């Protein structure tokens, strides 16, 4: 299905809840993009066994689709001094939750307890700060159904799927703050800044990848 081979589909079909999808994403090393910017398809994430935020969100969206749900992602935009973030969103009992891939401690899974997308996005606001403590989250997109990119073979192609981030950069985003609110923002406390420096994945070395025995242990 979706041009996945039997092994790939078997791995992903086991992930039949958002919790399992998040747990699986957490096992995948972060993509440090040591050879330049990437936007790998879900197939290439499994093959190369690494992912950054949009690559993880795309993989999570695919798994939800395999289980009969819409493959939805939301783009979060920050100021020029910080990085944007992409999450996969899902709905349970009328409430929104999120699955996320990050190397940091907080921009991660959100339980499906939020009444709308804005409320979900705002759950990321206070933790979205840089090393100087400045809170940088500024806007978000409506959920984007990745099935619109099926004609580009976003699931299984072996080159980068730039059509998706290019589209996310162009679509309408909703501001979460006005100028007065921005001017009145308080910086994060020093202890928050120190906690924000905690990362899950360290560079292994030349290739920044999990050693082969560990890759096999997770994927089998």
N, C-alpha and C. Protein backbone atom coordinates (compact mmCIF):
# COMPACT_ATOMS: atom_id res chain seq x y z
N UNK A 1 0.84 -1.20 0.00
CA UNK A 1 0.00 0.00 0.00
C UNK A 1 0.87 1.24 0.00
N UNK A 2 0.46 2.27 -0.76
CA UNK A 2 1.20 3.53 -0.86
C UNK A 2 2.65 3.30 -1.29
N UNK A 3 2.89 2.23 -2.02
CA UNK A 3 4.21 1.87 -2.53
C UNK A 3 5.19 1.47 -1.45
N UNK A 4 4.71 1.18 -0.26
CA UNK A 4 5.56 0.65 0.79
C UNK A 4 5.80 -0.83 0.52
N UNK A 5 6.98 -1.34 0.89
CA UNK A 5 7.19 -2.77 0.75
C UNK A 5 6.63 -3.48 1.99
N UNK A 6 6.64 -4.80 1.95
CA UNK A 6 6.01 -5.59 3.01
C UNK A 6 6.64 -5.33 4.37
N UNK A 7 7.96 -5.22 4.42
CA UNK A 7 8.65 -4.99 5.69
C UNK A 7 8.29 -3.63 6.27
N UNK A 8 8.31 -2.60 5.41
CA UNK A 8 7.99 -1.25 5.87
C UNK A 8 6.57 -1.19 6.42
N UNK A 9 5.63 -1.76 5.68
CA UNK A 9 4.24 -1.71 6.11
C UNK A 9 4.03 -2.49 7.40
N UNK A 10 4.72 -3.61 7.55
CA UNK A 10 4.59 -4.42 8.76
C UNK A 10 5.04 -3.63 9.99
N UNK A 11 6.17 -2.92 9.86
CA UNK A 11 6.67 -2.11 10.97
C UNK A 11 5.66 -1.05 11.37
N UNK A 12 5.12 -0.34 10.37
CA UNK A 12 4.25 0.80 10.65
C UNK A 12 2.86 0.39 11.09
N UNK A 13 2.36 -0.74 10.63
CA UNK A 13 1.02 -1.17 11.02
C UNK A 13 0.95 -1.58 12.49
N UNK A 14 2.06 -1.89 13.08
CA UNK A 14 2.08 -2.21 14.51
C UNK A 14 1.82 -0.97 15.36
N UNK A 15 2.01 0.19 14.78
CA UNK A 15 1.90 1.45 15.52
C UNK A 15 0.46 1.94 15.41
N UNK A 16 -0.44 1.30 16.14
CA UNK A 16 -1.88 1.53 15.94
C UNK A 16 -2.50 2.53 16.91
N UNK A 17 -1.67 3.27 17.64
CA UNK A 17 -2.16 4.36 18.49
C UNK A 17 -1.18 5.52 18.40
N UNK A 18 -1.63 6.75 18.63
CA UNK A 18 -0.69 7.89 18.63
C UNK A 18 0.46 7.69 19.63
N UNK A 19 0.17 7.07 20.77
CA UNK A 19 1.22 6.83 21.76
C UNK A 19 2.32 5.95 21.18
N UNK A 20 1.93 4.89 20.49
CA UNK A 20 2.93 3.99 19.90
C UNK A 20 3.72 4.69 18.81
N UNK A 21 3.05 5.55 18.05
CA UNK A 21 3.75 6.30 17.01
C UNK A 21 4.80 7.20 17.63
N UNK A 22 4.42 7.91 18.70
CA UNK A 22 5.37 8.80 19.37
C UNK A 22 6.54 8.01 19.95
N UNK A 23 6.26 6.89 20.57
CA UNK A 23 7.32 6.06 21.14
C UNK A 23 8.29 5.61 20.05
N UNK A 24 7.76 5.26 18.88
CA UNK A 24 8.59 4.84 17.76
C UNK A 24 9.45 6.00 17.26
N UNK A 25 8.85 7.18 17.11
CA UNK A 25 9.62 8.36 16.67
C UNK A 25 10.76 8.66 17.64
N UNK A 26 10.50 8.49 18.92
CA UNK A 26 11.52 8.78 19.92
C UNK A 26 12.74 7.88 19.77
N UNK A 27 12.55 6.69 19.21
CA UNK A 27 13.67 5.76 19.04
C UNK A 27 14.53 6.11 17.83
N UNK A 28 14.00 6.92 16.94
CA UNK A 28 14.75 7.29 15.74
C UNK A 28 15.70 8.44 16.07
N UNK A 29 16.99 8.29 15.80
CA UNK A 29 17.93 9.39 16.08
C UNK A 29 17.56 10.66 15.32
N UNK A 30 17.95 11.78 15.88
CA UNK A 30 17.67 13.05 15.23
C UNK A 30 18.53 13.19 13.98
N UNK A 31 17.99 13.79 12.95
CA UNK A 31 18.72 14.06 11.73
C UNK A 31 19.44 15.39 11.88
N UNK A 32 20.76 15.35 12.05
CA UNK A 32 21.55 16.57 12.20
C UNK A 32 21.85 17.25 10.86
N UNK A 33 21.39 16.64 9.77
CA UNK A 33 21.59 17.20 8.43
C UNK A 33 23.07 17.55 8.20
N UNK A 34 23.93 16.60 8.53
CA UNK A 34 25.37 16.84 8.45
C UNK A 34 25.86 17.05 7.02
N UNK A 35 25.07 16.62 6.04
CA UNK A 35 25.46 16.81 4.64
C UNK A 35 24.59 17.85 3.93
N UNK A 36 23.82 18.63 4.68
CA UNK A 36 22.96 19.66 4.10
C UNK A 36 21.50 19.41 4.40
N UNK A 37 20.66 20.38 4.06
CA UNK A 37 19.23 20.30 4.35
C UNK A 37 18.58 19.10 3.68
N UNK A 38 17.65 18.48 4.39
CA UNK A 38 16.91 17.34 3.85
C UNK A 38 15.43 17.46 4.19
N UNK A 39 14.62 16.79 3.38
CA UNK A 39 13.22 16.56 3.72
C UNK A 39 12.87 15.17 3.19
N UNK A 40 13.30 14.17 3.94
CA UNK A 40 13.18 12.79 3.50
C UNK A 40 11.75 12.27 3.59
N UNK A 41 11.40 11.42 2.66
CA UNK A 41 10.11 10.73 2.70
C UNK A 41 10.11 9.74 3.86
N UNK A 42 8.93 9.28 4.28
CA UNK A 42 8.88 8.25 5.32
C UNK A 42 9.72 7.02 4.99
N UNK A 43 9.72 6.59 3.74
CA UNK A 43 10.56 5.44 3.37
C UNK A 43 12.03 5.71 3.67
N UNK A 44 12.50 6.89 3.30
CA UNK A 44 13.92 7.20 3.49
C UNK A 44 14.27 7.44 4.97
N UNK A 45 13.29 7.89 5.75
CA UNK A 45 13.51 7.98 7.19
C UNK A 45 13.76 6.59 7.76
N UNK A 46 12.96 5.62 7.35
CA UNK A 46 13.15 4.24 7.82
C UNK A 46 14.47 3.68 7.32
N UNK A 47 14.82 3.98 6.08
CA UNK A 47 16.05 3.45 5.50
C UNK A 47 17.29 4.06 6.15
N UNK A 48 17.29 5.37 6.34
CA UNK A 48 18.45 6.07 6.90
C UNK A 48 18.44 6.12 8.42
N UNK A 49 17.29 5.81 8.98
CA UNK A 49 17.09 5.74 10.44
C UNK A 49 17.50 7.02 11.15
N UNK A 50 16.94 8.12 10.67
CA UNK A 50 17.10 9.41 11.33
C UNK A 50 16.02 10.34 10.80
N UNK A 51 15.68 11.36 11.58
CA UNK A 51 14.62 12.29 11.18
C UNK A 51 14.71 13.57 11.99
N UNK A 52 14.33 14.68 11.36
CA UNK A 52 14.10 15.91 12.10
C UNK A 52 12.60 16.17 12.13
N UNK A 53 12.18 17.36 12.54
CA UNK A 53 10.77 17.56 12.90
C UNK A 53 9.79 17.28 11.77
N UNK A 54 10.02 17.87 10.58
CA UNK A 54 9.04 17.67 9.50
C UNK A 54 9.09 16.23 8.99
N UNK A 55 10.27 15.64 8.98
CA UNK A 55 10.39 14.24 8.55
C UNK A 55 9.66 13.33 9.52
N UNK A 56 9.77 13.61 10.82
CA UNK A 56 9.04 12.83 11.81
C UNK A 56 7.54 13.03 11.71
N UNK A 57 7.13 14.28 11.46
CA UNK A 57 5.70 14.58 11.33
C UNK A 57 5.10 13.87 10.11
N UNK A 58 5.85 13.84 9.02
CA UNK A 58 5.38 13.15 7.82
C UNK A 58 5.25 11.65 8.06
N UNK A 59 6.22 11.07 8.74
CA UNK A 59 6.15 9.64 9.05
C UNK A 59 4.95 9.35 9.95
N UNK A 60 4.75 10.18 10.98
CA UNK A 60 3.61 9.99 11.88
C UNK A 60 2.29 10.12 11.13
N UNK A 61 2.21 11.09 10.22
CA UNK A 61 0.99 11.28 9.43
C UNK A 61 0.71 10.07 8.56
N UNK A 62 1.76 9.49 7.98
CA UNK A 62 1.58 8.27 7.18
C UNK A 62 1.03 7.14 8.02
N UNK A 63 1.56 6.95 9.21
CA UNK A 63 1.09 5.85 10.06
C UNK A 63 -0.38 6.04 10.42
N UNK A 64 -0.77 7.26 10.74
CA UNK A 64 -2.18 7.52 11.02
C UNK A 64 -3.03 7.17 9.79
N UNK A 65 -2.54 7.50 8.62
CA UNK A 65 -3.27 7.20 7.39
C UNK A 65 -3.42 5.70 7.18
N UNK A 66 -2.38 4.95 7.49
CA UNK A 66 -2.45 3.49 7.37
C UNK A 66 -3.54 2.90 8.25
N UNK A 67 -3.89 3.65 9.30
CA UNK A 67 -4.93 3.19 10.22
C UNK A 67 -6.24 3.94 10.02
N UNK A 68 -6.43 4.48 8.82
CA UNK A 68 -7.72 5.03 8.44
C UNK A 68 -7.98 6.46 8.86
N UNK A 69 -6.94 7.19 9.27
CA UNK A 69 -7.12 8.57 9.69
C UNK A 69 -6.47 9.53 8.69
N UNK A 70 -6.84 10.79 8.74
CA UNK A 70 -6.26 11.76 7.84
C UNK A 70 -4.81 12.06 8.24
N UNK A 71 -3.91 12.17 7.26
CA UNK A 71 -2.51 12.50 7.55
C UNK A 71 -2.32 14.01 7.64
N UNK A 72 -2.47 14.55 8.83
CA UNK A 72 -2.50 16.00 9.02
C UNK A 72 -1.24 16.51 9.71
N UNK A 73 -0.71 17.63 9.20
CA UNK A 73 0.40 18.30 9.86
C UNK A 73 0.06 19.78 10.04
N UNK A 74 0.69 20.39 11.02
CA UNK A 74 0.53 21.82 11.29
C UNK A 74 1.92 22.45 11.36
N UNK A 75 2.06 23.59 10.71
CA UNK A 75 3.33 24.31 10.69
C UNK A 75 3.32 25.40 11.77
N UNK A 76 4.33 25.40 12.62
CA UNK A 76 4.49 26.43 13.64
C UNK A 76 5.64 27.33 13.22
N UNK A 77 5.43 28.62 13.18
CA UNK A 77 6.49 29.52 12.75
C UNK A 77 6.99 30.36 13.92
N UNK A 78 8.29 30.65 13.86
CA UNK A 78 8.96 31.41 14.90
C UNK A 78 9.57 32.68 14.32
N UNK A 79 10.18 33.47 15.16
CA UNK A 79 10.92 34.65 14.70
C UNK A 79 12.16 34.19 13.93
N UNK A 80 12.84 35.15 13.31
CA UNK A 80 14.03 34.84 12.52
C UNK A 80 15.16 34.29 13.38
N UNK A 81 15.10 34.48 14.68
CA UNK A 81 16.18 34.01 15.54
C UNK A 81 15.96 32.58 16.05
N UNK A 82 14.90 31.95 15.58
CA UNK A 82 14.60 30.59 16.04
C UNK A 82 14.16 29.75 14.85
N UNK A 83 13.92 28.47 15.10
CA UNK A 83 13.52 27.54 14.05
C UNK A 83 12.02 27.31 14.06
N UNK A 84 11.45 27.14 12.88
CA UNK A 84 10.06 26.72 12.79
C UNK A 84 9.95 25.25 13.21
N UNK A 85 8.73 24.79 13.42
CA UNK A 85 8.52 23.42 13.88
C UNK A 85 7.27 22.88 13.20
N UNK A 86 7.27 21.60 12.85
CA UNK A 86 6.12 20.97 12.22
C UNK A 86 5.69 19.79 13.08
N UNK A 87 4.39 19.69 13.34
CA UNK A 87 3.85 18.61 14.14
C UNK A 87 2.78 17.86 13.36
N UNK A 88 2.59 16.62 13.70
CA UNK A 88 1.47 15.83 13.18
C UNK A 88 0.33 15.94 14.18
N UNK A 89 -0.87 16.24 13.73
CA UNK A 89 -1.99 16.40 14.65
C UNK A 89 -3.04 15.33 14.40
N UNK A 90 -3.76 15.00 15.44
CA UNK A 90 -4.80 13.97 15.36
C UNK A 90 -5.94 14.34 16.31
N UNK A 91 -7.08 13.71 16.11
CA UNK A 91 -8.26 14.01 16.91
C UNK A 91 -8.77 12.75 17.59
N UNK A 92 -9.14 12.89 18.87
CA UNK A 92 -9.73 11.80 19.64
C UNK A 92 -10.91 12.34 20.44
N UNK A 93 -12.08 11.78 20.25
CA UNK A 93 -13.27 12.21 21.00
C UNK A 93 -13.48 13.71 20.92
N UNK A 94 -13.25 14.25 19.72
CA UNK A 94 -13.51 15.67 19.51
C UNK A 94 -12.41 16.61 19.98
N UNK A 95 -11.31 16.08 20.48
CA UNK A 95 -10.21 16.90 20.98
C UNK A 95 -8.94 16.64 20.17
N UNK A 96 -8.10 17.67 20.09
CA UNK A 96 -6.88 17.59 19.30
C UNK A 96 -5.67 17.23 20.15
N UNK A 97 -4.78 16.42 19.56
CA UNK A 97 -3.49 16.11 20.16
C UNK A 97 -2.41 16.21 19.09
N UNK A 98 -1.16 15.98 19.47
CA UNK A 98 -0.06 16.12 18.52
C UNK A 98 1.03 15.09 18.77
N UNK A 99 1.68 14.71 17.67
CA UNK A 99 2.86 13.86 17.70
C UNK A 99 4.00 14.68 17.14
N UNK A 100 5.15 14.69 17.80
CA UNK A 100 6.24 15.55 17.35
C UNK A 100 7.60 14.91 17.46
N UNK A 101 8.50 15.31 16.57
CA UNK A 101 9.90 14.86 16.60
C UNK A 101 10.79 16.05 16.88
N UNK A 102 11.58 15.96 17.93
CA UNK A 102 12.49 17.04 18.30
C UNK A 102 13.66 16.45 19.06
N UNK A 103 14.74 17.17 19.10
CA UNK A 103 15.89 16.74 19.89
C UNK A 103 15.87 17.36 21.28
N UNK A 104 14.88 18.21 21.52
CA UNK A 104 14.81 18.90 22.82
C UNK A 104 13.72 18.30 23.70
N UNK A 105 13.61 18.82 24.89
CA UNK A 105 12.83 18.13 25.91
C UNK A 105 11.32 18.38 25.83
N UNK A 106 10.88 19.47 25.21
CA UNK A 106 9.49 19.85 25.45
C UNK A 106 8.58 19.94 24.23
N UNK A 107 9.10 20.17 23.03
CA UNK A 107 8.22 20.35 21.86
C UNK A 107 7.82 19.00 21.29
N UNK A 108 7.10 18.23 22.09
CA UNK A 108 6.86 16.83 21.80
C UNK A 108 5.38 16.48 21.75
N UNK A 109 5.07 15.32 22.26
CA UNK A 109 3.70 14.78 22.24
C UNK A 109 2.75 15.66 23.04
N UNK A 110 1.54 15.80 22.54
CA UNK A 110 0.48 16.47 23.27
C UNK A 110 -0.72 15.53 23.33
N UNK A 111 -1.22 15.33 24.52
CA UNK A 111 -2.41 14.48 24.70
C UNK A 111 -3.60 15.12 23.98
N UNK A 112 -4.53 14.32 23.49
CA UNK A 112 -5.71 14.86 22.79
C UNK A 112 -6.73 15.44 23.78
N UNK A 113 -6.39 16.62 24.30
CA UNK A 113 -7.25 17.28 25.29
C UNK A 113 -7.58 18.73 24.89
N UNK A 114 -7.15 19.14 23.69
CA UNK A 114 -7.29 20.54 23.28
C UNK A 114 -8.49 20.72 22.37
N UNK A 115 -9.28 21.76 22.61
CA UNK A 115 -10.55 21.92 21.91
C UNK A 115 -10.40 22.35 20.47
N UNK A 116 -9.30 23.03 20.14
CA UNK A 116 -9.08 23.45 18.75
C UNK A 116 -7.59 23.56 18.50
N UNK A 117 -7.22 23.84 17.25
CA UNK A 117 -5.81 23.87 16.88
C UNK A 117 -5.06 25.01 17.58
N UNK A 118 -5.71 26.15 17.71
CA UNK A 118 -5.01 27.26 18.38
C UNK A 118 -4.68 26.90 19.82
N UNK A 119 -5.63 26.31 20.50
CA UNK A 119 -5.37 25.92 21.89
C UNK A 119 -4.22 24.91 21.96
N UNK A 120 -4.19 23.99 21.02
CA UNK A 120 -3.09 23.02 20.96
C UNK A 120 -1.76 23.73 20.72
N UNK A 121 -1.73 24.63 19.76
CA UNK A 121 -0.51 25.36 19.44
C UNK A 121 -0.02 26.15 20.65
N UNK A 122 -0.92 26.77 21.37
CA UNK A 122 -0.53 27.59 22.51
C UNK A 122 0.10 26.78 23.64
N UNK A 123 -0.12 25.46 23.62
CA UNK A 123 0.52 24.62 24.64
C UNK A 123 2.03 24.56 24.43
N UNK A 124 2.50 24.98 23.24
CA UNK A 124 3.93 25.02 22.95
C UNK A 124 4.56 26.38 23.26
N UNK A 125 3.74 27.39 23.51
CA UNK A 125 4.24 28.76 23.51
C UNK A 125 5.32 29.03 24.56
N UNK A 126 5.06 28.73 25.82
CA UNK A 126 5.99 29.13 26.87
C UNK A 126 7.31 28.36 26.84
N UNK A 127 7.31 27.19 26.21
CA UNK A 127 8.54 26.42 26.12
C UNK A 127 9.30 26.69 24.83
N UNK A 128 8.75 27.52 23.96
CA UNK A 128 9.36 27.78 22.66
C UNK A 128 10.25 29.02 22.79
N UNK A 129 11.41 28.87 23.44
CA UNK A 129 12.32 29.99 23.63
C UNK A 129 13.73 29.61 23.21
N UNK A 130 14.56 30.63 22.96
CA UNK A 130 15.93 30.39 22.54
C UNK A 130 16.88 30.43 23.74
N UNK A 131 18.17 30.36 23.48
CA UNK A 131 19.15 30.30 24.56
C UNK A 131 19.24 31.60 25.35
N UNK A 132 18.65 32.67 24.81
CA UNK A 132 18.60 33.94 25.55
C UNK A 132 17.31 34.09 26.34
N UNK A 133 16.42 33.09 26.22
CA UNK A 133 15.17 33.13 26.96
C UNK A 133 14.04 33.84 26.26
N UNK A 134 14.25 34.30 25.02
CA UNK A 134 13.21 35.02 24.28
C UNK A 134 12.18 34.03 23.73
N UNK A 135 10.91 34.32 23.95
CA UNK A 135 9.83 33.44 23.50
C UNK A 135 9.50 33.78 22.05
N UNK A 136 9.65 32.80 21.17
CA UNK A 136 9.73 33.09 19.74
C UNK A 136 8.59 32.55 18.88
N UNK A 137 7.68 31.78 19.43
CA UNK A 137 6.58 31.25 18.62
C UNK A 137 5.64 32.39 18.22
N UNK A 138 5.28 32.45 16.93
CA UNK A 138 4.50 33.58 16.45
C UNK A 138 3.23 33.22 15.67
N UNK A 139 3.21 32.10 14.96
CA UNK A 139 2.03 31.80 14.16
C UNK A 139 1.93 30.32 13.85
N UNK A 140 0.80 29.93 13.28
CA UNK A 140 0.58 28.51 12.95
C UNK A 140 -0.34 28.43 11.74
N UNK A 141 -0.27 27.30 11.07
CA UNK A 141 -1.14 27.05 9.92
C UNK A 141 -2.34 26.22 10.35
N UNK A 142 -3.34 26.18 9.51
CA UNK A 142 -4.41 25.20 9.68
C UNK A 142 -3.83 23.82 9.37
N UNK A 143 -4.47 22.75 9.81
CA UNK A 143 -3.97 21.41 9.47
C UNK A 143 -3.94 21.20 7.96
N UNK A 144 -2.86 20.63 7.48
CA UNK A 144 -2.69 20.33 6.06
C UNK A 144 -2.75 18.82 5.87
N UNK A 145 -3.64 18.38 4.99
CA UNK A 145 -3.79 16.97 4.68
C UNK A 145 -2.73 16.58 3.65
N UNK A 146 -1.80 15.72 4.03
CA UNK A 146 -0.69 15.37 3.15
C UNK A 146 -1.10 14.53 1.96
N UNK A 147 -2.34 14.04 1.95
CA UNK A 147 -2.78 13.28 0.77
C UNK A 147 -2.80 14.16 -0.48
N UNK A 148 -2.82 15.48 -0.31
CA UNK A 148 -2.78 16.39 -1.45
C UNK A 148 -1.45 16.27 -2.20
N UNK A 149 -0.44 15.67 -1.57
CA UNK A 149 0.87 15.52 -2.19
C UNK A 149 1.10 14.11 -2.73
N UNK A 150 0.05 13.31 -2.80
CA UNK A 150 0.21 11.94 -3.30
C UNK A 150 0.81 11.91 -4.70
N UNK A 151 0.47 12.90 -5.52
CA UNK A 151 0.99 12.91 -6.89
C UNK A 151 2.50 13.09 -6.94
N UNK A 152 3.08 13.55 -5.82
CA UNK A 152 4.53 13.70 -5.74
C UNK A 152 5.19 12.48 -5.09
N UNK A 153 4.40 11.46 -4.76
CA UNK A 153 4.93 10.25 -4.12
C UNK A 153 5.70 10.59 -2.85
N UNK A 154 5.10 11.41 -2.00
CA UNK A 154 5.77 11.88 -0.79
C UNK A 154 6.07 10.76 0.20
N UNK A 155 5.42 9.64 0.06
CA UNK A 155 5.58 8.55 1.03
C UNK A 155 6.82 7.71 0.75
N UNK A 156 7.09 7.42 -0.52
CA UNK A 156 8.09 6.41 -0.84
C UNK A 156 9.21 6.88 -1.77
N UNK A 157 9.22 8.12 -2.21
CA UNK A 157 10.26 8.53 -3.14
C UNK A 157 11.62 8.61 -2.44
N UNK A 158 12.67 8.50 -3.22
CA UNK A 158 14.00 8.42 -2.63
C UNK A 158 14.76 9.73 -2.65
N UNK A 159 14.22 10.75 -3.32
CA UNK A 159 14.82 12.07 -3.21
C UNK A 159 13.98 12.93 -2.27
N UNK A 160 14.47 14.10 -1.93
CA UNK A 160 13.80 14.94 -0.92
C UNK A 160 12.45 15.46 -1.42
N UNK A 161 11.51 15.55 -0.48
CA UNK A 161 10.14 15.96 -0.79
C UNK A 161 9.98 17.45 -0.46
N UNK A 162 10.62 18.30 -1.23
CA UNK A 162 10.60 19.73 -0.92
C UNK A 162 9.23 20.36 -1.18
N UNK A 163 8.37 19.69 -1.92
CA UNK A 163 7.05 20.25 -2.19
C UNK A 163 6.27 20.54 -0.91
N UNK A 164 6.49 19.71 0.12
CA UNK A 164 5.72 19.88 1.36
C UNK A 164 6.19 21.10 2.16
N UNK A 165 7.47 21.23 2.50
CA UNK A 165 7.88 22.45 3.22
C UNK A 165 7.68 23.72 2.41
N UNK A 166 7.83 23.63 1.09
CA UNK A 166 7.58 24.82 0.26
C UNK A 166 6.12 25.25 0.37
N UNK A 167 5.22 24.29 0.37
CA UNK A 167 3.79 24.60 0.50
C UNK A 167 3.49 25.18 1.88
N UNK A 168 4.06 24.58 2.91
CA UNK A 168 3.81 25.06 4.28
C UNK A 168 4.30 26.50 4.46
N UNK A 169 5.36 26.85 3.76
CA UNK A 169 5.90 28.21 3.88
C UNK A 169 5.01 29.25 3.22
N UNK A 170 4.17 28.81 2.26
CA UNK A 170 3.38 29.75 1.47
C UNK A 170 1.96 29.94 1.98
N UNK A 171 1.41 28.96 2.67
CA UNK A 171 0.00 29.03 3.03
C UNK A 171 -0.24 30.02 4.17
N UNK A 172 -1.50 30.33 4.38
CA UNK A 172 -1.88 31.29 5.42
C UNK A 172 -1.51 30.76 6.80
N UNK A 173 -0.98 31.65 7.60
CA UNK A 173 -0.69 31.36 9.01
C UNK A 173 -1.45 32.36 9.89
N UNK A 174 -1.77 31.91 11.08
CA UNK A 174 -2.55 32.71 12.01
C UNK A 174 -1.64 33.21 13.15
N UNK A 175 -1.59 34.53 13.31
CA UNK A 175 -0.77 35.10 14.37
C UNK A 175 -1.35 34.76 15.73
N UNK A 176 -0.46 34.53 16.69
CA UNK A 176 -0.93 34.22 18.04
C UNK A 176 -0.71 35.39 19.01
N UNK A 177 0.01 36.43 18.55
CA UNK A 177 0.28 37.58 19.40
C UNK A 177 0.12 38.87 18.60
N UNK A 178 -0.23 39.93 19.29
CA UNK A 178 -0.19 41.25 18.65
C UNK A 178 1.08 41.99 19.12
N UNK A 179 1.32 43.16 18.56
CA UNK A 179 2.55 43.88 18.88
C UNK A 179 2.68 44.21 20.36
N UNK A 180 1.57 44.59 20.98
CA UNK A 180 1.62 44.94 22.39
C UNK A 180 1.99 43.73 23.23
N UNK A 181 1.43 42.59 22.89
CA UNK A 181 1.76 41.36 23.62
C UNK A 181 3.22 40.99 23.44
N UNK A 182 3.72 41.14 22.21
CA UNK A 182 5.12 40.81 21.95
C UNK A 182 6.05 41.71 22.75
N UNK A 183 5.74 43.00 22.80
CA UNK A 183 6.61 43.94 23.52
C UNK A 183 6.60 43.68 25.02
N UNK A 184 5.56 43.03 25.52
CA UNK A 184 5.46 42.79 26.96
C UNK A 184 5.92 41.41 27.40
N UNK A 185 6.44 40.63 26.48
CA UNK A 185 6.86 39.27 26.84
C UNK A 185 8.02 39.26 27.83
N UNK A 186 7.92 38.39 28.80
CA UNK A 186 8.99 38.20 29.78
C UNK A 186 9.86 37.05 29.31
N UNK A 187 11.15 37.17 29.51
CA UNK A 187 12.06 36.10 29.14
C UNK A 187 11.91 34.91 30.09
N UNK A 188 12.26 33.75 29.58
CA UNK A 188 12.26 32.56 30.43
C UNK A 188 13.29 32.72 31.54
N UNK A 189 13.04 32.06 32.66
CA UNK A 189 13.98 32.11 33.77
C UNK A 189 15.26 31.34 33.43
N UNK A 190 16.32 31.65 34.15
CA UNK A 190 17.60 30.99 33.89
C UNK A 190 17.50 29.47 34.04
N UNK A 191 16.74 29.02 35.01
CA UNK A 191 16.62 27.58 35.21
C UNK A 191 15.87 26.93 34.04
N UNK A 192 14.90 27.67 33.46
CA UNK A 192 14.20 27.18 32.28
C UNK A 192 15.14 27.10 31.09
N UNK A 193 15.99 28.13 30.95
CA UNK A 193 16.95 28.16 29.84
C UNK A 193 17.91 26.98 29.95
N UNK A 194 18.39 26.71 31.16
CA UNK A 194 19.30 25.59 31.34
C UNK A 194 18.61 24.27 31.04
N UNK A 195 17.36 24.14 31.48
CA UNK A 195 16.61 22.91 31.20
C UNK A 195 16.37 22.76 29.70
N UNK A 196 16.19 23.89 29.01
CA UNK A 196 15.94 23.86 27.58
C UNK A 196 17.13 23.41 26.76
N UNK A 197 18.31 23.38 27.36
CA UNK A 197 19.51 22.94 26.66
C UNK A 197 19.66 21.42 26.66
N UNK A 198 18.80 20.75 27.39
CA UNK A 198 18.85 19.29 27.44
C UNK A 198 18.45 18.73 26.07
N UNK A 199 19.26 17.83 25.53
CA UNK A 199 18.96 17.20 24.25
C UNK A 199 18.93 15.68 24.40
N UNK A 200 18.15 15.04 23.54
CA UNK A 200 17.99 13.59 23.60
C UNK A 200 19.10 12.84 22.87
N UNK A 201 19.50 13.39 21.72
CA UNK A 201 20.48 12.70 20.88
C UNK A 201 21.76 13.51 20.78
N UNK A 202 22.90 12.84 21.00
CA UNK A 202 24.21 13.45 20.83
C UNK A 202 24.80 12.94 19.52
N UNK A 203 25.69 13.72 18.97
CA UNK A 203 26.33 13.29 17.73
C UNK A 203 27.23 12.09 18.00
N UNK A 204 27.01 11.00 17.24
CA UNK A 204 27.82 9.81 17.40
C UNK A 204 29.21 9.99 16.80
N UNK A 205 29.32 10.90 15.87
CA UNK A 205 30.60 11.08 15.21
C UNK A 205 30.42 11.42 13.75
N UNK A 206 31.18 10.79 12.92
CA UNK A 206 31.24 11.14 11.50
C UNK A 206 29.88 11.13 10.82
N UNK A 207 29.06 10.11 11.08
CA UNK A 207 27.81 9.99 10.36
C UNK A 207 26.58 10.33 11.21
N UNK A 208 26.77 10.59 12.49
CA UNK A 208 25.67 11.01 13.36
C UNK A 208 24.51 10.01 13.33
N UNK A 209 24.80 8.75 13.26
CA UNK A 209 23.76 7.75 13.21
C UNK A 209 23.89 6.76 14.36
N UNK A 210 22.76 6.12 14.68
CA UNK A 210 22.78 5.08 15.67
C UNK A 210 23.62 3.91 15.16
N UNK A 211 24.46 3.30 16.02
CA UNK A 211 25.23 2.12 15.59
C UNK A 211 24.31 1.04 15.04
N UNK A 212 24.79 0.29 14.07
CA UNK A 212 23.99 -0.70 13.37
C UNK A 212 23.27 -1.68 14.29
N UNK A 213 23.90 -2.24 15.34
CA UNK A 213 23.15 -3.17 16.21
C UNK A 213 21.92 -2.55 16.84
N UNK A 214 22.00 -1.27 17.20
CA UNK A 214 20.85 -0.59 17.80
C UNK A 214 19.76 -0.35 16.78
N UNK A 215 20.14 -0.03 15.55
CA UNK A 215 19.16 0.18 14.49
C UNK A 215 18.36 -1.10 14.26
N UNK A 216 19.04 -2.24 14.24
CA UNK A 216 18.35 -3.50 14.01
C UNK A 216 17.43 -3.84 15.17
N UNK A 217 17.89 -3.54 16.37
CA UNK A 217 17.08 -3.86 17.56
C UNK A 217 15.75 -3.13 17.55
N UNK A 218 15.75 -1.89 17.09
CA UNK A 218 14.53 -1.09 17.07
C UNK A 218 13.61 -1.48 15.93
N UNK A 219 14.18 -1.71 14.74
CA UNK A 219 13.35 -1.89 13.55
C UNK A 219 12.82 -3.31 13.37
N UNK A 220 13.39 -4.28 14.03
CA UNK A 220 12.94 -5.65 13.83
C UNK A 220 11.73 -5.97 14.69
